[in-house]
C-alpha atoms as a PDB file:
ATOM      1  CA  UNK A   1      80.218  58.077 -54.830  1.00  0.00           C
ATOM      2  CA  UNK A   2      79.623  54.771 -56.449  1.00  0.00           C
ATOM      3  CA  UNK A   3      77.327  53.482 -59.114  1.00  0.00           C
ATOM      4  CA  UNK A   4      74.974  52.123 -56.446  1.00  0.00           C
ATOM      5  CA  UNK A   5      74.460  55.610 -55.080  1.00  0.00           C
ATOM      6  CA  UNK A   6      73.457  56.964 -58.484  1.00  0.00           C
ATOM      7  CA  UNK A   7      71.095  54.043 -59.112  1.00  0.00           C
ATOM      8  CA  UNK A   8      69.403  54.654 -55.751  1.00  0.00           C
ATOM      9  CA  UNK A   9      69.035  58.372 -56.512  1.00  0.00           C
ATOM     10  CA  UNK A  10      67.509  57.551 -59.918  1.00  0.00           C
ATOM     11  CA  UNK A  11      65.067  55.116 -58.295  1.00  0.00           C
ATOM     12  CA  UNK A  12      64.057  57.715 -55.705  1.00  0.00           C
ATOM     13  CA  UNK A  13      63.368  60.266 -58.438  1.00  0.00           C
ATOM     14  CA  UNK A  14      61.290  57.731 -60.377  1.00  0.00           C
ATOM     15  CA  UNK A  15      59.373  56.807 -57.227  1.00  0.00           C
ATOM     16  CA  UNK A  16      58.616  60.471 -56.506  1.00  0.00           C
ATOM     17  CA  UNK A  17      57.412  60.987 -60.086  1.00  0.00           C
ATOM     18  CA  UNK A  18      55.195  57.909 -59.812  1.00  0.00           C
ATOM     19  CA  UNK A  19      53.726  59.173 -56.551  1.00  0.00           C
ATOM     20  CA  UNK A  20      52.921  62.565 -58.085  1.00  0.00           C
ATOM     21  CA  UNK A  21      51.307  60.917 -61.093  1.00  0.00           C
ATOM     22  CA  UNK A  22      49.176  58.717 -58.823  1.00  0.00           C
ATOM     23  CA  UNK A  23      47.936  61.791 -56.963  1.00  0.00           C
ATOM     24  CA  UNK A  24      46.965  63.514 -60.214  1.00  0.00           C
ATOM     25  CA  UNK A  25      45.295  60.353 -61.503  1.00  0.00           C
ATOM     26  CA  UNK A  26      43.271  59.939 -58.292  1.00  0.00           C
ATOM     27  CA  UNK A  27      41.961  63.507 -58.602  1.00  0.00           C
ATOM     28  CA  UNK A  28      40.922  62.937 -62.203  1.00  0.00           C
ATOM     29  CA  UNK A  29      39.215  59.644 -61.379  1.00  0.00           C
ATOM     30  CA  UNK A  30      37.255  61.205 -58.535  1.00  0.00           C
ATOM     31  CA  UNK A  31      36.052  63.927 -60.912  1.00  0.00           C
ATOM     32  CA  UNK A  32      34.930  61.254 -63.395  1.00  0.00           C
ATOM     33  CA  UNK A  33      33.065  59.384 -60.641  1.00  0.00           C
ATOM     34  CA  UNK A  34      31.219  62.552 -59.623  1.00  0.00           C
ATOM     35  CA  UNK A  35      30.240  63.193 -63.230  1.00  0.00           C
ATOM     36  CA  UNK A  36      29.093  59.607 -63.620  1.00  0.00           C
ATOM     37  CA  UNK A  37      26.775  59.874 -60.602  1.00  0.00           C
ATOM     38  CA  UNK A  38      25.176  63.024 -62.010  1.00  0.00           C
ATOM     39  CA  UNK A  39      24.763  61.430 -65.416  1.00  0.00           C
ATOM     40  CA  UNK A  40      23.152  58.355 -63.875  1.00  0.00           C
ATOM     41  CA  UNK A  41      20.661  60.535 -62.005  1.00  0.00           C
ATOM     42  CA  UNK A  42      19.865  62.496 -65.191  1.00  0.00           C
ATOM     43  CA  UNK A  43      19.303  59.296 -67.174  1.00  0.00           C
ATOM     44  CA  UNK A  44      16.926  58.020 -64.486  1.00  0.00           C
ATOM     45  CA  UNK A  45      14.913  61.236 -64.611  1.00  0.00           C
ATOM     46  CA  UNK A  46      14.825  61.115 -68.398  1.00  0.00           C
ATOM     47  CA  UNK A  47      13.618  57.523 -68.310  1.00  0.00           C
ATOM     48  CA  UNK A  48      10.787  58.467 -65.954  1.00  0.00           C
ATOM     49  CA  UNK A  49       9.836  61.399 -68.191  1.00  0.00           C
ATOM     50  CA  UNK A  50       9.751  59.149 -71.257  1.00  0.00           C
ATOM     51  CA  UNK A  51       7.558  56.625 -69.446  1.00  0.00           C
ATOM     52  CA  UNK A  52       5.190  59.417 -68.388  1.00  0.00           C
ATOM     53  CA  UNK A  53       5.047  60.772 -71.928  1.00  0.00           C
ATOM     54  CA  UNK A  54       4.229  57.298 -73.260  1.00  0.00           C
ATOM     55  CA  UNK A  55       1.420  56.925 -70.760  1.00  0.00           C
ATOM     56  CA  UNK A  56       0.039  60.345 -71.673  1.00  0.00           C
ATOM     57  CA  UNK A  57       0.227  59.541 -75.375  1.00  0.00           C
ATOM     58  CA  UNK A  58      -1.701  56.288 -74.902  1.00  0.00           C
ATOM     59  CA  UNK A  59      -4.330  58.161 -72.852  1.00  0.00           C
ATOM     60  CA  UNK A  60      -4.696  60.808 -75.578  1.00  0.00           C
ATOM     61  CA  UNK A  61      -5.073  58.185 -78.298  1.00  0.00           C
ATOM     62  CA  UNK A  62      -7.609  56.339 -76.183  1.00  0.00           C
ATOM     63  CA  UNK A  63      -9.568  59.558 -75.665  1.00  0.00           C
ATOM     64  CA  UNK A  64      -9.466  60.234 -79.388  1.00  0.00           C
ATOM     65  CA  UNK A  65     -10.885  56.779 -80.121  1.00  0.00           C
ATOM     66  CA  UNK A  66      -7.859  55.425 -81.948  1.00  0.00           C
ATOM     67  CA  UNK A  67      -6.478  52.009 -80.999  1.00  0.00           C
ATOM     68  CA  UNK A  68      -2.931  52.070 -79.589  1.00  0.00           C
ATOM     69  CA  UNK A  69      -0.131  50.802 -81.806  1.00  0.00           C
ATOM     70  CA  UNK A  70       0.557  47.058 -81.553  1.00  0.00           C
ATOM     71  CA  UNK A  71       4.061  47.515 -80.039  1.00  0.00           C
ATOM     72  CA  UNK A  72       2.745  49.272 -76.920  1.00  0.00           C
ATOM     73  CA  UNK A  73       1.320  47.402 -73.966  1.00  0.00           C
ATOM     74  CA  UNK A  74      -1.967  49.155 -73.323  1.00  0.00           C
END
């Protein structure tokens, strides 16, 4: 058994460890991607709810006879 044999064994062990780490990393990244899609959907729904609330607030102020604030586009 020569030095070359031991170097090749060490490289094979390192390659196997790298492969295992890549598998674990891929699983974690896929979980992050799934969470990101859900968060994006939630943010979109929240944005629509905020827009609807702003519209309702302007309608209420208009019904009450108060002018809308200058920063809103009514």
